[in-house]
Amino acid sequence: MKRQYGYYLTQIFVPFVLLVAVSWLSLWLDARAVILRLSLILVLLFMMIMISIELQSLIPAVSYTKAIDIWIAVCISLVFATLLQFILVNQLARRERRVRISENHATKNGGCKRNGKQKMQTILEKCAHHHIPLSKRIDFVCRVLFPVAFVIFNCIFWLTYIKGRDSRHIIK
């Protein structure tokens, strides 16, 4: 008896790949787009959990962990990691804005009186060091890290799955 893998590919694996990839769109949105980023990630998590629950009702219960269970758990974990990344970036961006506002306020009220030469030197120093806020750097790193992690997981998952499936046919 041979299993039909096409159903699982089209109904589970491909949709989950798309849902994980769509979650990465939130990494490209501005940290101030809180409602948009949060709603995107939460809707994706909800969809994945609902698909998982529906799938569990269709597949016979067994006492061991199936490959599809690992697949779903990792995909949901990656989208959840995107949610945690958003929370971190949002908090950092808020803190960075408060610091910028207090620095601007202090400068306007004469708290930091500098002559023109000192101001120009400060501006040049910031430009020379390419002062990029930590929240934006984390977003940038995650734009690369999350897809790379998913590709590595896919390589390991599918190589292990295909190797295990082929070895069962050789043993029989």
Protein backbone atom coordinates (compact mmCIF):
# COMPACT_ATOMS: atom_id res chain seq x y z
CA MET A 1 0.00 0.00 0.00
CA LYS A 2 1.52 3.30 -1.10
CA ARG A 3 0.64 6.66 0.47
CA GLN A 4 -0.55 9.57 -1.57
CA TYR A 5 1.81 12.42 -0.65
CA GLY A 6 0.34 14.92 -3.10
CA TYR A 7 -2.57 15.72 -0.77
CA TYR A 8 -0.26 16.62 2.13
CA LEU A 9 2.01 18.67 -0.12
CA THR A 10 -0.84 20.76 -1.53
CA GLN A 11 -2.97 21.01 1.61
CA ILE A 12 -0.36 21.32 4.37
CA PHE A 13 3.26 21.81 3.32
CA VAL A 14 2.86 24.43 0.56
CA PRO A 15 0.30 26.54 2.49
CA PHE A 16 2.51 26.50 5.60
CA VAL A 17 5.52 27.60 3.53
CA LEU A 18 3.45 30.50 2.21
CA LEU A 19 2.18 31.45 5.67
CA VAL A 20 5.70 31.45 7.12
CA ALA A 21 6.95 33.52 4.17
CA VAL A 22 4.09 36.02 4.57
CA SER A 23 5.06 36.44 8.24
CA TRP A 24 8.41 37.80 7.03
CA LEU A 25 6.60 40.71 5.42
CA SER A 26 6.18 42.16 8.90
CA LEU A 27 9.97 42.49 9.09
CA TRP A 28 9.86 44.95 6.19
CA LEU A 29 7.19 47.15 7.78
CA ASP A 30 8.16 50.15 9.87
CA ALA A 31 8.38 49.50 13.61
CA ARG A 32 5.78 52.25 14.13
CA ALA A 33 3.19 50.25 12.12
CA VAL A 34 2.23 48.41 15.29
CA ILE A 35 -1.34 47.50 14.38
CA LEU A 36 -0.41 46.30 10.91
CA ARG A 37 2.54 44.20 12.05
CA LEU A 38 0.73 42.74 15.03
CA SER A 39 -2.47 41.91 13.17
CA LEU A 40 -0.55 40.26 10.32
CA ILE A 41 1.39 37.99 12.65
CA LEU A 42 -1.59 37.14 14.88
CA VAL A 43 -3.83 36.31 11.91
CA LEU A 44 -1.13 34.02 10.51
CA LEU A 45 -0.68 32.29 13.87
CA PHE A 46 -4.43 31.83 14.20
CA MET A 47 -4.66 30.39 10.68
CA MET A 48 -1.82 27.96 11.31
CA ILE A 49 -3.29 26.77 14.59
CA MET A 50 -6.72 26.28 13.01
CA ILE A 51 -5.24 24.29 10.11
CA SER A 52 -3.28 22.21 12.59
CA ILE A 53 -6.36 21.45 14.68
CA GLU A 54 -8.34 20.50 11.58
CA LEU A 55 -5.53 18.28 10.36
CA GLN A 56 -5.29 16.48 13.71
CA SER A 57 -8.96 15.56 13.42
CA LEU A 58 -8.34 14.02 9.97
CA ILE A 59 -5.23 11.99 10.77
CA PRO A 60 -5.46 8.86 12.91
CA ALA A 61 -4.09 9.27 16.43
CA VAL A 62 -0.76 7.53 17.03
CA SER A 63 1.55 7.37 20.02
CA TYR A 64 4.62 8.73 18.22
CA THR A 65 5.55 12.07 16.67
CA LYS A 66 4.89 12.23 12.95
CA ALA A 67 6.92 14.22 10.42
CA ILE A 68 3.92 16.47 9.81
CA ASP A 69 3.77 17.26 13.55
CA ILE A 70 7.38 18.41 13.46
CA TRP A 71 6.71 20.44 10.31
CA ILE A 72 3.71 22.24 11.81
CA ALA A 73 5.45 22.85 15.15
CA VAL A 74 8.50 24.40 13.51
CA CYS A 75 6.40 26.57 11.17
CA ILE A 76 4.27 27.85 14.04
CA SER A 77 7.43 28.44 16.10
CA LEU A 78 8.98 30.50 13.29
CA VAL A 79 5.90 32.71 13.04
CA PHE A 80 5.85 33.01 16.83
CA ALA A 81 9.54 34.01 16.69
CA THR A 82 8.48 36.78 14.30
CA LEU A 83 5.96 37.93 16.91
CA LEU A 84 8.64 37.96 19.63
CA GLN A 85 10.99 39.84 17.29
CA PHE A 86 8.26 42.42 16.67
CA ILE A 87 7.73 42.92 20.41
CA LEU A 88 11.46 43.43 20.95
CA VAL A 89 11.83 45.83 18.01
CA ASN A 90 8.74 47.77 19.03
CA GLN A 91 10.00 48.27 22.58
CA LEU A 92 13.46 49.29 21.36
CA ALA A 93 12.00 51.72 18.80
CA ARG A 94 9.83 53.34 21.51
CA ARG A 95 12.85 53.72 23.79
CA GLU A 96 14.95 55.16 20.95
CA ARG A 97 12.19 57.68 20.13
CA ARG A 98 11.98 58.80 23.76
CA VAL A 99 15.75 59.31 23.88
CA ARG A 100 15.68 61.30 20.62
CA ILE A 101 12.81 63.45 21.88
CA SER A 102 14.57 64.17 25.19
CA GLU A 103 17.81 65.01 23.35
CA ASN A 104 15.95 67.38 21.01
CA HIS A 105 14.15 68.96 23.96
CA ALA A 106 17.41 69.50 25.84
CA THR A 107 19.03 71.06 22.78
CA LYS A 108 16.10 73.42 22.14
CA ASN A 109 16.02 74.57 25.77
CA GLY A 110 19.71 75.39 25.82
CA GLY A 111 20.70 72.37 27.86
CA CYS A 112 23.41 71.59 25.34
CA LYS A 113 24.80 74.88 24.16
CA ARG A 114 27.38 74.29 21.49
CA ASN A 115 28.97 76.52 18.99
CA GLY A 116 28.56 75.87 15.26
CA LYS A 117 31.86 74.00 14.98
CA GLN A 118 30.93 71.49 17.72
CA LYS A 119 27.50 70.87 16.17
CA MET A 120 29.06 70.19 12.78
CA GLN A 121 31.58 67.81 14.35
CA THR A 122 28.77 65.87 16.08
CA ILE A 123 26.85 65.58 12.81
CA LEU A 124 29.95 64.38 10.99
CA GLU A 125 30.67 61.81 13.72
CA LYS A 126 27.16 60.39 13.45
CA CYS A 127 27.47 60.20 9.67
CA ALA A 128 30.90 58.58 9.90
CA HIS A 129 29.66 55.89 12.28
CA HIS A 130 26.43 55.37 10.31
CA HIS A 131 24.39 55.60 13.48
CA ILE A 132 21.54 53.17 12.78
CA PRO A 133 19.13 52.49 15.64
CA LEU A 134 19.32 49.03 17.20
CA SER A 135 15.67 48.33 16.35
CA LYS A 136 16.37 48.82 12.64
CA ARG A 137 19.51 46.69 12.82
CA ILE A 138 17.55 43.84 14.43
CA ASP A 139 14.88 44.09 11.71
CA PHE A 140 17.60 43.97 9.06
CA VAL A 141 19.34 40.94 10.60
CA CYS A 142 16.02 39.09 10.98
CA ARG A 143 15.12 39.77 7.34
CA VAL A 144 18.05 37.53 6.47
CA LEU A 145 18.18 35.21 9.50
CA PHE A 146 14.56 34.01 9.47
CA PRO A 147 14.46 32.92 5.80
CA VAL A 148 17.90 31.29 6.10
CA ALA A 149 16.78 29.37 9.21
CA PHE A 150 13.66 28.19 7.37
CA VAL A 151 15.69 27.05 4.33
CA ILE A 152 18.09 25.15 6.60
CA PHE A 153 15.17 23.53 8.41
CA ASN A 154 13.62 22.55 5.05
CA CYS A 155 16.86 21.00 3.84
CA ILE A 156 17.25 18.95 7.00
CA PHE A 157 13.55 18.02 7.15
CA TRP A 158 13.18 16.91 3.55
CA LEU A 159 16.53 15.10 3.39
CA THR A 160 15.68 13.24 6.60
CA TYR A 161 12.15 12.52 5.42
CA ILE A 162 13.19 11.26 1.98
CA LYS A 163 16.08 9.24 3.42
CA GLY A 164 13.77 7.64 6.00
CA ARG A 165 11.09 6.90 3.41
CA ASP A 166 13.57 5.33 0.98
CA SER A 167 15.21 3.21 3.70
CA ARG A 168 11.82 1.72 4.60
CA HIS A 169 11.32 0.62 1.00
CA ILE A 170 14.79 -0.97 0.88
CA ILE A 171 14.18 -2.92 4.09
CA LYS A 172 10.93 -4.37 2.79
